[in-house]
Amino acid sequence: MEYDKNNVFARILRKEIPANIVYENDVALAFHDVYPKAPTHILVIPKGEFIAFDDFAAQASAEEIIGFNQAVHHVIQTFSLQEKGYRLLSNQGLHGCQEVPHYHVHILGGKHLGPPLSSS
């Protein structure tokens, strides 16, 4: 699969679409999800053109991987999610229900989130 340069996250990175940004570093951007599933629902995306985790893990530089994980950690600390817990979620492909073909991690917290998967 080829990276779609016009996906919604690529457009957010180019500032063509507004986002409620909570953190940014050289390699990652974190912003509130427009359809939150928890009281705190932040997306963290790399600034590079990566479709999913497999692509990111195989192609990203050490600097990008470290900076991305630092961004995730910064958001968790900023929203004090470590105190009661949180969930990191990344979907990939059709069976994983990935909606945007740009690697991203959902950080969810602020309430009891229930079991990670439904029984259906």
PDB file of N, CA and C in Angstrom:
ATOM      1  N   MET A   1       0.836  -1.178   0.000  1.00  0.00           N
ATOM      2  CA  MET A   1       0.000   0.000   0.000  1.00  0.00           C
ATOM      3  C   MET A   1       0.885   1.248   0.000  1.00  0.00           C
ATOM      4  N   GLU A   2       0.560   2.181  -0.826  1.00  0.00           N
ATOM      5  CA  GLU A   2       1.299   3.434  -0.917  1.00  0.00           C
ATOM      6  C   GLU A   2       0.677   4.477   0.017  1.00  0.00           C
ATOM      7  N   TYR A   3       1.504   5.300   0.615  1.00  0.00           N
ATOM      8  CA  TYR A   3       1.044   6.332   1.536  1.00  0.00           C
ATOM      9  C   TYR A   3       0.171   7.346   0.797  1.00  0.00           C
ATOM     10  N   ASP A   4      -0.986   7.665   1.368  1.00  0.00           N
ATOM     11  CA  ASP A   4      -1.907   8.656   0.808  1.00  0.00           C
ATOM     12  C   ASP A   4      -1.574  10.026   1.392  1.00  0.00           C
ATOM     13  N   LYS A   5      -0.956  10.887   0.594  1.00  0.00           N
ATOM     14  CA  LYS A   5      -0.520  12.205   1.057  1.00  0.00           C
ATOM     15  C   LYS A   5      -1.691  13.143   1.368  1.00  0.00           C
ATOM     16  N   ASN A   6      -2.908  12.729   1.043  1.00  0.00           N
ATOM     17  CA  ASN A   6      -4.081  13.562   1.322  1.00  0.00           C
ATOM     18  C   ASN A   6      -4.958  12.990   2.421  1.00  0.00           C
ATOM     19  N   ASN A   7      -4.442  12.031   3.208  1.00  0.00           N
ATOM     20  CA  ASN A   7      -5.239  11.540   4.328  1.00  0.00           C
ATOM     21  C   ASN A   7      -5.400  12.668   5.343  1.00  0.00           C
ATOM     22  N   VAL A   8      -6.388  12.540   6.211  1.00  0.00           N
ATOM     23  CA  VAL A   8      -6.735  13.624   7.132  1.00  0.00           C
ATOM     24  C   VAL A   8      -5.565  14.002   8.047  1.00  0.00           C
ATOM     25  N   PHE A   9      -4.756  13.050   8.475  1.00  0.00           N
ATOM     26  CA  PHE A   9      -3.641  13.383   9.361  1.00  0.00           C
ATOM     27  C   PHE A   9      -2.533  14.107   8.610  1.00  0.00           C
ATOM     28  N   ALA A  10      -2.283  13.728   7.383  1.00  0.00           N
ATOM     29  CA  ALA A  10      -1.311  14.452   6.560  1.00  0.00           C
ATOM     30  C   ALA A  10      -1.775  15.897   6.367  1.00  0.00           C
ATOM     31  N   ARG A  11      -3.057  16.083   6.192  1.00  0.00           N
ATOM     32  CA  ARG A  11      -3.612  17.439   6.024  1.00  0.00           C
ATOM     33  C   ARG A  11      -3.529  18.234   7.328  1.00  0.00           C
ATOM     34  N   ILE A  12      -3.710  17.569   8.461  1.00  0.00           N
ATOM     35  CA  ILE A  12      -3.530  18.244   9.755  1.00  0.00           C
ATOM     36  C   ILE A  12      -2.073  18.669   9.913  1.00  0.00           C
ATOM     37  N   LEU A  13      -1.150  17.797   9.562  1.00  0.00           N
ATOM     38  CA  LEU A  13       0.274  18.143   9.662  1.00  0.00           C
ATOM     39  C   LEU A  13       0.632  19.335   8.784  1.00  0.00           C
ATOM     40  N   ARG A  14      -0.030  19.468   7.637  1.00  0.00           N
ATOM     41  CA  ARG A  14       0.219  20.605   6.740  1.00  0.00           C
ATOM     42  C   ARG A  14      -0.597  21.836   7.140  1.00  0.00           C
ATOM     43  N   LYS A  15      -1.357  21.738   8.233  1.00  0.00           N
ATOM     44  CA  LYS A  15      -2.191  22.833   8.756  1.00  0.00           C
ATOM     45  C   LYS A  15      -3.336  23.200   7.807  1.00  0.00           C
ATOM     46  N   GLU A  16      -3.744  22.253   6.958  1.00  0.00           N
ATOM     47  CA  GLU A  16      -4.895  22.455   6.080  1.00  0.00           C
ATOM     48  C   GLU A  16      -6.202  22.204   6.822  1.00  0.00           C
ATOM     49  N   ILE A  17      -6.138  21.416   7.871  1.00  0.00           N
ATOM     50  CA  ILE A  17      -7.287  21.104   8.723  1.00  0.00           C
ATOM     51  C   ILE A  17      -6.884  21.466  10.149  1.00  0.00           C
ATOM     52  N   PRO A  18      -7.741  22.203  10.868  1.00  0.00           N
ATOM     53  CA  PRO A  18      -7.377  22.565  12.241  1.00  0.00           C
ATOM     54  C   PRO A  18      -7.440  21.357  13.173  1.00  0.00           C
ATOM     55  N   ALA A  19      -6.659  21.425  14.232  1.00  0.00           N
ATOM     56  CA  ALA A  19      -6.658  20.393  15.266  1.00  0.00           C
ATOM     57  C   ALA A  19      -6.411  21.078  16.604  1.00  0.00           C
ATOM     58  N   ASN A  20      -6.963  20.497  17.654  1.00  0.00           N
ATOM     59  CA  ASN A  20      -6.751  20.996  19.006  1.00  0.00           C
ATOM     60  C   ASN A  20      -5.473  20.339  19.539  1.00  0.00           C
ATOM     61  N   ILE A  21      -4.350  20.960  19.244  1.00  0.00           N
ATOM     62  CA  ILE A  21      -3.029  20.393  19.528  1.00  0.00           C
ATOM     63  C   ILE A  21      -2.695  20.535  21.006  1.00  0.00           C
ATOM     64  N   VAL A  22      -2.190  19.433  21.582  1.00  0.00           N
ATOM     65  CA  VAL A  22      -1.785  19.453  22.987  1.00  0.00           C
ATOM     66  C   VAL A  22      -0.271  19.324  23.153  1.00  0.00           C
ATOM     67  N   TYR A  23       0.421  18.847  22.128  1.00  0.00           N
ATOM     68  CA  TYR A  23       1.864  18.694  22.208  1.00  0.00           C
ATOM     69  C   TYR A  23       2.424  18.505  20.806  1.00  0.00           C
ATOM     70  N   GLU A  24       3.647  19.023  20.621  1.00  0.00           N
ATOM     71  CA  GLU A  24       4.343  18.838  19.353  1.00  0.00           C
ATOM     72  C   GLU A  24       5.837  18.840  19.626  1.00  0.00           C
ATOM     73  N   ASN A  25       6.544  17.936  18.956  1.00  0.00           N
ATOM     74  CA  ASN A  25       8.001  17.971  18.948  1.00  0.00           C
ATOM     75  C   ASN A  25       8.455  17.856  17.501  1.00  0.00           C
ATOM     76  N   ASP A  26       9.719  17.622  17.266  1.00  0.00           N
ATOM     77  CA  ASP A  26      10.238  17.589  15.892  1.00  0.00           C
ATOM     78  C   ASP A  26       9.667  16.458  15.046  1.00  0.00           C
ATOM     79  N   VAL A  27       9.217  15.372  15.691  1.00  0.00           N
ATOM     80  CA  VAL A  27       8.822  14.183  14.933  1.00  0.00           C
ATOM     81  C   VAL A  27       7.381  13.743  15.148  1.00  0.00           C
ATOM     82  N   ALA A  28       6.667  14.383  16.086  1.00  0.00           N
ATOM     83  CA  ALA A  28       5.311  13.922  16.401  1.00  0.00           C
ATOM     84  C   ALA A  28       4.388  15.091  16.740  1.00  0.00           C
ATOM     85  N   LEU A  29       3.106  14.829  16.592  1.00  0.00           N
ATOM     86  CA  LEU A  29       2.068  15.808  16.910  1.00  0.00           C
ATOM     87  C   LEU A  29       0.989  15.081  17.697  1.00  0.00           C
ATOM     88  N   ALA A  30       0.505  15.706  18.774  1.00  0.00           N
ATOM     89  CA  ALA A  30      -0.560  15.126  19.600  1.00  0.00           C
ATOM     90  C   ALA A  30      -1.723  16.107  19.655  1.00  0.00           C
ATOM     91  N   PHE A  31      -2.931  15.571  19.481  1.00  0.00           N
ATOM     92  CA  PHE A  31      -4.117  16.434  19.459  1.00  0.00           C
ATOM     93  C   PHE A  31      -5.336  15.651  19.914  1.00  0.00           C
ATOM     94  N   HIS A  32      -6.362  16.384  20.345  1.00  0.00           N
ATOM     95  CA  HIS A  32      -7.607  15.765  20.794  1.00  0.00           C
ATOM     96  C   HIS A  32      -8.322  15.096  19.623  1.00  0.00           C
ATOM     97  N   ASP A  33      -8.860  13.911  19.864  1.00  0.00           N
ATOM     98  CA  ASP A  33      -9.679  13.208  18.876  1.00  0.00           C
ATOM     99  C   ASP A  33     -10.988  13.973  18.721  1.00  0.00           C
ATOM    100  N   VAL A  34     -11.463  14.143  17.500  1.00  0.00           N
ATOM    101  CA  VAL A  34     -12.721  14.878  17.276  1.00  0.00           C
ATOM    102  C   VAL A  34     -13.945  14.053  17.637  1.00  0.00           C
ATOM    103  N   TYR A  35     -13.782  12.736  17.773  1.00  0.00           N
ATOM    104  CA  TYR A  35     -14.867  11.855  18.204  1.00  0.00           C
ATOM    105  C   TYR A  35     -14.405  11.065  19.424  1.00  0.00           C
ATOM    106  N   PRO A  36     -14.248  11.738  20.567  1.00  0.00           N
ATOM    107  CA  PRO A  36     -13.662  11.064  21.738  1.00  0.00           C
ATOM    108  C   PRO A  36     -14.501   9.902  22.244  1.00  0.00           C
ATOM    109  N   LYS A  37     -13.795   8.851  22.655  1.00  0.00           N
ATOM    110  CA  LYS A  37     -14.411   7.648  23.218  1.00  0.00           C
ATOM    111  C   LYS A  37     -14.180   7.561  24.725  1.00  0.00           C
ATOM    112  N   ALA A  38     -13.523   8.551  25.300  1.00  0.00           N
ATOM    113  CA  ALA A  38     -13.242   8.625  26.730  1.00  0.00           C
ATOM    114  C   ALA A  38     -13.069  10.098  27.080  1.00  0.00           C
ATOM    115  N   PRO A  39     -13.146  10.443  28.364  1.00  0.00           N
ATOM    116  CA  PRO A  39     -12.954  11.840  28.752  1.00  0.00           C
ATOM    117  C   PRO A  39     -11.632  12.427  28.238  1.00  0.00           C
ATOM    118  N   THR A  40     -10.574  11.638  28.260  1.00  0.00           N
ATOM    119  CA  THR A  40      -9.322  12.032  27.618  1.00  0.00           C
ATOM    120  C   THR A  40      -9.107  11.090  26.447  1.00  0.00           C
ATOM    121  N   HIS A  41      -9.038  11.650  25.246  1.00  0.00           N
ATOM    122  CA  HIS A  41      -8.803  10.851  24.042  1.00  0.00           C
ATOM    123  C   HIS A  41      -7.914  11.690  23.124  1.00  0.00           C
ATOM    124  N   ILE A  42      -6.635  11.379  23.165  1.00  0.00           N
ATOM    125  CA  ILE A  42      -5.626  12.114  22.411  1.00  0.00           C
ATOM    126  C   ILE A  42      -5.034  11.185  21.352  1.00  0.00           C
ATOM    127  N   LEU A  43      -4.803  11.723  20.176  1.00  0.00           N
ATOM    128  CA  LEU A  43      -4.113  10.996  19.114  1.00  0.00           C
ATOM    129  C   LEU A  43      -2.682  11.512  19.034  1.00  0.00           C
ATOM    130  N   VAL A  44      -1.745  10.598  18.865  1.00  0.00           N
ATOM    131  CA  VAL A  44      -0.350  10.977  18.624  1.00  0.00           C
ATOM    132  C   VAL A  44       0.029  10.400  17.273  1.00  0.00           C
ATOM    133  N   ILE A  45       0.532  11.277  16.395  1.00  0.00           N
ATOM    134  CA  ILE A  45       0.907  10.847  15.045  1.00  0.00           C
ATOM    135  C   ILE A  45       2.356  11.240  14.767  1.00  0.00           C
ATOM    136  N   PRO A  46       3.073  10.398  14.041  1.00  0.00           N
ATOM    137  CA  PRO A  46       4.407  10.809  13.613  1.00  0.00           C
ATOM    138  C   PRO A  46       4.274  11.804  12.459  1.00  0.00           C
ATOM    139  N   LYS A  47       5.255  12.646  12.303  1.00  0.00           N
ATOM    140  CA  LYS A  47       5.238  13.615  11.201  1.00  0.00           C
ATOM    141  C   LYS A  47       5.684  12.987   9.883  1.00  0.00           C
ATOM    142  N   GLY A  48       6.300  11.826   9.951  1.00  0.00           N
ATOM    143  CA  GLY A  48       6.726  11.126   8.738  1.00  0.00           C
ATOM    144  C   GLY A  48       5.574  10.388   8.085  1.00  0.00           C
ATOM    145  N   GLU A  49       5.790   9.964   6.868  1.00  0.00           N
ATOM    146  CA  GLU A  49       4.761   9.282   6.079  1.00  0.00           C
ATOM    147  C   GLU A  49       4.785   7.780   6.349  1.00  0.00           C
ATOM    148  N   PHE A  50       4.130   7.391   7.430  1.00  0.00           N
ATOM    149  CA  PHE A  50       4.054   5.991   7.829  1.00  0.00           C
ATOM    150  C   PHE A  50       2.588   5.578   7.858  1.00  0.00           C
ATOM    151  N   ILE A  51       2.267   4.463   7.233  1.00  0.00           N
ATOM    152  CA  ILE A  51       0.882   4.015   7.125  1.00  0.00           C
ATOM    153  C   ILE A  51       0.394   3.371   8.419  1.00  0.00           C
ATOM    154  N   ALA A  52       1.228   2.528   9.018  1.00  0.00           N
ATOM    155  CA  ALA A  52       0.807   1.790  10.210  1.00  0.00           C
ATOM    156  C   ALA A  52       2.050   1.412  11.012  1.00  0.00           C
ATOM    157  N   PHE A  53       1.844   0.745  12.140  1.00  0.00           N
ATOM    158  CA  PHE A  53       2.964   0.393  13.021  1.00  0.00           C
ATOM    159  C   PHE A  53       4.045  -0.385  12.290  1.00  0.00           C
ATOM    160  N   ASP A  54       3.669  -1.376  11.497  1.00  0.00           N
ATOM    161  CA  ASP A  54       4.675  -2.183  10.790  1.00  0.00           C
ATOM    162  C   ASP A  54       5.592  -1.301   9.946  1.00  0.00           C
ATOM    163  N   ASP A  55       4.998  -0.360   9.245  1.00  0.00           N
ATOM    164  CA  ASP A  55       5.745   0.578   8.406  1.00  0.00           C
ATOM    165  C   ASP A  55       6.650   1.456   9.271  1.00  0.00           C
ATOM    166  N   PHE A  56       6.098   1.983  10.356  1.00  0.00           N
ATOM    167  CA  PHE A  56       6.860   2.838  11.269  1.00  0.00           C
ATOM    168  C   PHE A  56       8.034   2.075  11.872  1.00  0.00           C
ATOM    169  N   ALA A  57       7.783   0.887  12.391  1.00  0.00           N
ATOM    170  CA  ALA A  57       8.835   0.092  13.033  1.00  0.00           C
ATOM    171  C   ALA A  57       9.947  -0.270  12.055  1.00  0.00           C
ATOM    172  N   ALA A  58       9.594  -0.523  10.797  1.00  0.00           N
ATOM    173  CA  ALA A  58      10.582  -0.939   9.800  1.00  0.00           C
ATOM    174  C   ALA A  58      11.331   0.238   9.174  1.00  0.00           C
ATOM    175  N   GLN A  59      10.689   1.398   9.060  1.00  0.00           N
ATOM    176  CA  GLN A  59      11.248   2.496   8.273  1.00  0.00           C
ATOM    177  C   GLN A  59      11.681   3.728   9.072  1.00  0.00           C
ATOM    178  N   ALA A  60      11.132   3.929  10.253  1.00  0.00           N
ATOM    179  CA  ALA A  60      11.441   5.141  11.017  1.00  0.00           C
ATOM    180  C   ALA A  60      12.860   5.095  11.563  1.00  0.00           C
ATOM    181  N   SER A  61      13.451   6.265  11.672  1.00  0.00           N
ATOM    182  CA  SER A  61      14.784   6.363  12.275  1.00  0.00           C
ATOM    183  C   SER A  61      14.669   6.201  13.788  1.00  0.00           C
ATOM    184  N   ALA A  62      15.798   5.958  14.424  1.00  0.00           N
ATOM    185  CA  ALA A  62      15.817   5.864  15.886  1.00  0.00           C
ATOM    186  C   ALA A  62      15.313   7.168  16.498  1.00  0.00           C
ATOM    187  N   GLU A  63      15.681   8.288  15.934  1.00  0.00           N
ATOM    188  CA  GLU A  63      15.226   9.598  16.419  1.00  0.00           C
ATOM    189  C   GLU A  63      13.700   9.710  16.337  1.00  0.00           C
ATOM    190  N   GLU A  64      13.121   9.244  15.236  1.00  0.00           N
ATOM    191  CA  GLU A  64      11.664   9.301  15.086  1.00  0.00           C
ATOM    192  C   GLU A  64      10.958   8.388  16.093  1.00  0.00           C
ATOM    193  N   ILE A  65      11.486   7.193  16.281  1.00  0.00           N
ATOM    194  CA  ILE A  65      10.871   6.249  17.221  1.00  0.00           C
ATOM    195  C   ILE A  65      10.954   6.788  18.648  1.00  0.00           C
ATOM    196  N   ILE A  66      12.119   7.281  19.030  1.00  0.00           N
ATOM    197  CA  ILE A  66      12.284   7.832  20.374  1.00  0.00           C
ATOM    198  C   ILE A  66      11.398   9.066  20.569  1.00  0.00           C
ATOM    199  N   GLY A  67      11.424   9.977  19.621  1.00  0.00           N
ATOM    200  CA  GLY A  67      10.630  11.203  19.725  1.00  0.00           C
ATOM    201  C   GLY A  67       9.141  10.933  19.764  1.00  0.00           C
ATOM    202  N   PHE A  68       8.695   9.933  19.007  1.00  0.00           N
ATOM    203  CA  PHE A  68       7.280   9.568  19.017  1.00  0.00           C
ATOM    204  C   PHE A  68       6.890   9.041  20.395  1.00  0.00           C
ATOM    205  N   ASN A  69       7.697   8.137  20.929  1.00  0.00           N
ATOM    206  CA  ASN A  69       7.401   7.583  22.251  1.00  0.00           C
ATOM    207  C   ASN A  69       7.501   8.639  23.344  1.00  0.00           C
ATOM    208  N   GLN A  70       8.399   9.586  23.201  1.00  0.00           N
ATOM    209  CA  GLN A  70       8.478  10.694  24.148  1.00  0.00           C
ATOM    210  C   GLN A  70       7.208  11.542  24.092  1.00  0.00           C
ATOM    211  N   ALA A  71       6.650  11.722  22.900  1.00  0.00           N
ATOM    212  CA  ALA A  71       5.401  12.473  22.759  1.00  0.00           C
ATOM    213  C   ALA A  71       4.257  11.748  23.463  1.00  0.00           C
ATOM    214  N   VAL A  72       4.169  10.435  23.288  1.00  0.00           N
ATOM    215  CA  VAL A  72       3.141   9.642  23.974  1.00  0.00           C
ATOM    216  C   VAL A  72       3.297   9.802  25.486  1.00  0.00           C
ATOM    217  N   HIS A  73       4.511   9.651  25.964  1.00  0.00           N
ATOM    218  CA  HIS A  73       4.781   9.788  27.404  1.00  0.00           C
ATOM    219  C   HIS A  73       4.423  11.186  27.907  1.00  0.00           C
ATOM    220  N   HIS A  74       4.767  12.204  27.149  1.00  0.00           N
ATOM    221  CA  HIS A  74       4.464  13.579  27.547  1.00  0.00           C
ATOM    222  C   HIS A  74       2.953  13.779  27.717  1.00  0.00           C
ATOM    223  N   VAL A  75       2.169  13.266  26.788  1.00  0.00           N
ATOM    224  CA  VAL A  75       0.714  13.397  26.884  1.00  0.00           C
ATOM    225  C   VAL A  75       0.191  12.681  28.128  1.00  0.00           C
ATOM    226  N   ILE A  76       0.666  11.473  28.369  1.00  0.00           N
ATOM    227  CA  ILE A  76       0.232  10.715  29.545  1.00  0.00           C
ATOM    228  C   ILE A  76       0.542  11.501  30.821  1.00  0.00           C
ATOM    229  N   GLN A  77       1.717  12.081  30.901  1.00  0.00           N
ATOM    230  CA  GLN A  77       2.104  12.868  32.072  1.00  0.00           C
ATOM    231  C   GLN A  77       1.290  14.165  32.169  1.00  0.00           C
ATOM    232  N   THR A  78       1.102  14.846  31.061  1.00  0.00           N
ATOM    233  CA  THR A  78       0.371  16.113  31.052  1.00  0.00           C
ATOM    234  C   THR A  78      -1.052  15.949  31.564  1.00  0.00           C
ATOM    235  N   PHE A  79      -1.697  14.856  31.195  1.00  0.00           N
ATOM    236  CA  PHE A  79      -3.081  14.621  31.593  1.00  0.00           C
ATOM    237  C   PHE A  79      -3.188  13.740  32.840  1.00  0.00           C
ATOM    238  N   SER A  80      -2.049  13.476  33.492  1.00  0.00           N
ATOM    239  CA  SER A  80      -1.988  12.680  34.730  1.00  0.00           C
ATOM    240  C   SER A  80      -2.696  11.339  34.594  1.00  0.00           C
ATOM    241  N   LEU A  81      -2.569  10.714  33.449  1.00  0.00           N
ATOM    242  CA  LEU A  81      -3.248   9.442  33.196  1.00  0.00           C
ATOM    243  C   LEU A  81      -2.581   8.271  33.904  1.00  0.00           C
ATOM    244  N   GLN A  82      -1.307   8.399  34.251  1.00  0.00           N
ATOM    245  CA  GLN A  82      -0.589   7.311  34.905  1.00  0.00           C
ATOM    246  C   GLN A  82      -1.173   7.017  36.284  1.00  0.00           C
ATOM    247  N   GLU A  83      -1.851   7.982  36.888  1.00  0.00           N
ATOM    248  CA  GLU A  83      -2.369   7.802  38.248  1.00  0.00           C
ATOM    249  C   GLU A  83      -3.441   6.714  38.326  1.00  0.00           C
ATOM    250  N   LYS A  84      -4.411   6.732  37.422  1.00  0.00           N
ATOM    251  CA  LYS A  84      -5.507   5.752  37.468  1.00  0.00           C
ATOM    252  C   LYS A  84      -5.477   4.776  36.304  1.00  0.00           C
ATOM    253  N   GLY A  85      -4.657   5.049  35.316  1.00  0.00           N
ATOM    254  CA  GLY A  85      -4.529   4.132  34.189  1.00  0.00           C
ATOM    255  C   GLY A  85      -5.029   4.732  32.886  1.00  0.00           C
ATOM    256  N   TYR A  86      -4.649   4.084  31.823  1.00  0.00           N
ATOM    257  CA  TYR A  86      -4.977   4.543  30.477  1.00  0.00           C
ATOM    258  C   TYR A  86      -4.836   3.373  29.515  1.00  0.00           C
ATOM    259  N   ARG A  87      -5.251   3.593  28.302  1.00  0.00           N
ATOM    260  CA  ARG A  87      -5.104   2.577  27.257  1.00  0.00           C
ATOM    261  C   ARG A  87      -4.425   3.221  26.051  1.00  0.00           C
ATOM    262  N   LEU A  88      -3.432   2.512  25.498  1.00  0.00           N
ATOM    263  CA  LEU A  88      -2.826   2.889  24.227  1.00  0.00           C
ATOM    264  C   LEU A  88      -3.396   1.954  23.183  1.00  0.00           C
ATOM    265  N   LEU A  89      -3.861   2.506  22.086  1.00  0.00           N
ATOM    266  CA  LEU A  89      -4.500   1.694  21.058  1.00  0.00           C
ATOM    267  C   LEU A  89      -4.014   2.143  19.690  1.00  0.00           C
ATOM    268  N   SER A  90      -3.635   1.184  18.877  1.00  0.00           N
ATOM    269  CA  SER A  90      -3.278   1.468  17.496  1.00  0.00           C
ATOM    270  C   SER A  90      -3.897   0.394  16.615  1.00  0.00           C
ATOM    271  N   ASN A  91      -4.679   0.804  15.669  1.00  0.00           N
ATOM    272  CA  ASN A  91      -5.345  -0.113  14.747  1.00  0.00           C
ATOM    273  C   ASN A  91      -4.541  -0.196  13.455  1.00  0.00           C
ATOM    274  N   GLN A  92      -4.519  -1.378  12.866  1.00  0.00           N
ATOM    275  CA  GLN A  92      -3.817  -1.541  11.601  1.00  0.00           C
ATOM    276  C   GLN A  92      -4.635  -2.408  10.662  1.00  0.00           C
ATOM    277  N   GLY A  93      -4.827  -1.906   9.458  1.00  0.00           N
ATOM    278  CA  GLY A  93      -5.458  -2.676   8.402  1.00  0.00           C
ATOM    279  C   GLY A  93      -6.941  -2.929   8.585  1.00  0.00           C
ATOM    280  N   LEU A  94      -7.492  -3.708   7.680  1.00  0.00           N
ATOM    281  CA  LEU A  94      -8.920  -4.008   7.627  1.00  0.00           C
ATOM    282  C   LEU A  94      -9.418  -4.692   8.894  1.00  0.00           C
ATOM    283  N   HIS A  95      -8.776  -5.754   9.310  1.00  0.00           N
ATOM    284  CA  HIS A  95      -9.227  -6.479  10.498  1.00  0.00           C
ATOM    285  C   HIS A  95      -9.010  -5.689  11.778  1.00  0.00           C
ATOM    286  N   GLY A  96      -8.036  -4.782  11.781  1.00  0.00           N
ATOM    287  CA  GLY A  96      -7.790  -3.927  12.932  1.00  0.00           C
ATOM    288  C   GLY A  96      -8.649  -2.678  12.948  1.00  0.00           C
ATOM    289  N   CYS A  97      -9.461  -2.508  11.886  1.00  0.00           N
ATOM    290  CA  CYS A  97     -10.383  -1.362  11.765  1.00  0.00           C
ATOM    291  C   CYS A  97      -9.663  -0.018  11.711  1.00  0.00           C
ATOM    292  N   GLN A  98      -8.527   0.032  11.024  1.00  0.00           N
ATOM    293  CA  GLN A  98      -7.811   1.294  10.855  1.00  0.00           C
ATOM    294  C   GLN A  98      -8.617   2.198   9.933  1.00  0.00           C
ATOM    295  N   GLU A  99      -8.926   3.398  10.404  1.00  0.00           N
ATOM    296  CA  GLU A  99      -9.746   4.326   9.625  1.00  0.00           C
ATOM    297  C   GLU A  99      -8.914   5.310   8.818  1.00  0.00           C
ATOM    298  N   VAL A 100      -7.778   5.733   9.359  1.00  0.00           N
ATOM    299  CA  VAL A 100      -6.915   6.687   8.661  1.00  0.00           C
ATOM    300  C   VAL A 100      -5.587   6.002   8.363  1.00  0.00           C
ATOM    301  N   PRO A 101      -5.168   5.963   7.099  1.00  0.00           N
ATOM    302  CA  PRO A 101      -3.938   5.257   6.745  1.00  0.00           C
ATOM    303  C   PRO A 101      -2.671   6.072   7.038  1.00  0.00           C
ATOM    304  N   HIS A 102      -2.561   6.503   8.278  1.00  0.00           N
ATOM    305  CA  HIS A 102      -1.371   7.187   8.791  1.00  0.00           C
ATOM    306  C   HIS A 102      -1.200   6.653  10.209  1.00  0.00           C
ATOM    307  N   TYR A 103      -0.020   6.095  10.516  1.00  0.00           N
ATOM    308  CA  TYR A 103       0.204   5.507  11.839  1.00  0.00           C
ATOM    309  C   TYR A 103      -0.173   6.501  12.933  1.00  0.00           C
ATOM    310  N   HIS A 104      -0.893   6.010  13.919  1.00  0.00           N
ATOM    311  CA  HIS A 104      -1.264   6.841  15.060  1.00  0.00           C
ATOM    312  C   HIS A 104      -1.592   5.966  16.260  1.00  0.00           C
ATOM    313  N   VAL A 105      -1.438   6.567  17.426  1.00  0.00           N
ATOM    314  CA  VAL A 105      -1.772   5.908  18.676  1.00  0.00           C
ATOM    315  C   VAL A 105      -2.857   6.729  19.356  1.00  0.00           C
ATOM    316  N   HIS A 106      -3.900   6.028  19.797  1.00  0.00           N
ATOM    317  CA  HIS A 106      -4.938   6.646  20.618  1.00  0.00           C
ATOM    318  C   HIS A 106      -4.508   6.492  22.070  1.00  0.00           C
ATOM    319  N   ILE A 107      -4.583   7.567  22.836  1.00  0.00           N
ATOM    320  CA  ILE A 107      -4.369   7.515  24.278  1.00  0.00           C
ATOM    321  C   ILE A 107      -5.727   7.813  24.907  1.00  0.00           C
ATOM    322  N   LEU A 108      -6.271   6.821  25.609  1.00  0.00           N
ATOM    323  CA  LEU A 108      -7.594   6.958  26.217  1.00  0.00           C
ATOM    324  C   LEU A 108      -7.497   6.832  27.724  1.00  0.00           C
ATOM    325  N   GLY A 109      -8.218   7.681  28.438  1.00  0.00           N
ATOM    326  CA  GLY A 109      -8.216   7.619  29.889  1.00  0.00           C
ATOM    327  C   GLY A 109      -9.289   8.516  30.469  1.00  0.00           C
ATOM    328  N   GLY A 110      -9.265   8.608  31.781  1.00  0.00           N
ATOM    329  CA  GLY A 110     -10.212   9.472  32.473  1.00  0.00           C
ATOM    330  C   GLY A 110     -11.462   8.776  32.960  1.00  0.00           C
ATOM    331  N   LYS A 111     -11.565   7.477  32.694  1.00  0.00           N
ATOM    332  CA  LYS A 111     -12.682   6.668  33.192  1.00  0.00           C
ATOM    333  C   LYS A 111     -12.287   5.204  33.072  1.00  0.00           C
ATOM    334  N   HIS A 112     -13.063   4.335  33.701  1.00  0.00           N
ATOM    335  CA  HIS A 112     -12.848   2.897  33.527  1.00  0.00           C
ATOM    336  C   HIS A 112     -13.213   2.565  32.091  1.00  0.00           C
ATOM    337  N   LEU A 113     -12.312   1.950  31.374  1.00  0.00           N
ATOM    338  CA  LEU A 113     -12.490   1.726  29.936  1.00  0.00           C
ATOM    339  C   LEU A 113     -13.111   0.384  29.585  1.00  0.00           C
ATOM    340  N   GLY A 114     -13.295  -0.493  30.544  1.00  0.00           N
ATOM    341  CA  GLY A 114     -13.887  -1.793  30.263  1.00  0.00           C
ATOM    342  C   GLY A 114     -12.906  -2.716  29.583  1.00  0.00           C
ATOM    343  N   PRO A 115     -13.384  -3.879  29.155  1.00  0.00           N
ATOM    344  CA  PRO A 115     -12.487  -4.848  28.507  1.00  0.00           C
ATOM    345  C   PRO A 115     -11.973  -4.303  27.183  1.00  0.00           C
ATOM    346  N   PRO A 116     -10.753  -4.706  26.805  1.00  0.00           N
ATOM    347  CA  PRO A 116     -10.161  -4.163  25.575  1.00  0.00           C
ATOM    348  C   PRO A 116     -10.867  -4.568  24.291  1.00  0.00           C
ATOM    349  N   LEU A 117     -11.550  -5.712  24.278  1.00  0.00           N
ATOM    350  CA  LEU A 117     -12.249  -6.147  23.067  1.00  0.00           C
ATOM    351  C   LEU A 117     -13.657  -6.586  23.427  1.00  0.00           C
ATOM    352  N   SER A 118     -14.574  -6.332  22.499  1.00  0.00           N
ATOM    353  CA  SER A 118     -15.935  -6.834  22.708  1.00  0.00           C
ATOM    354  C   SER A 118     -15.952  -8.331  22.422  1.00  0.00           C
ATOM    355  N   SER A 119     -16.992  -9.003  22.853  1.00  0.00           N
ATOM    356  CA  SER A 119     -17.078 -10.456  22.643  1.00  0.00           C
ATOM    357  C   SER A 119     -17.620 -10.815  21.269  1.00  0.00           C
ATOM    358  N   SER A 120     -17.986  -9.824  20.479  1.00  0.00           N
ATOM    359  CA  SER A 120     -18.539 -10.119  19.148  1.00  0.00           C
ATOM    360  C   SER A 120     -17.488 -10.190  18.082  1.00  0.00           C
TER     361      SER A 120
END
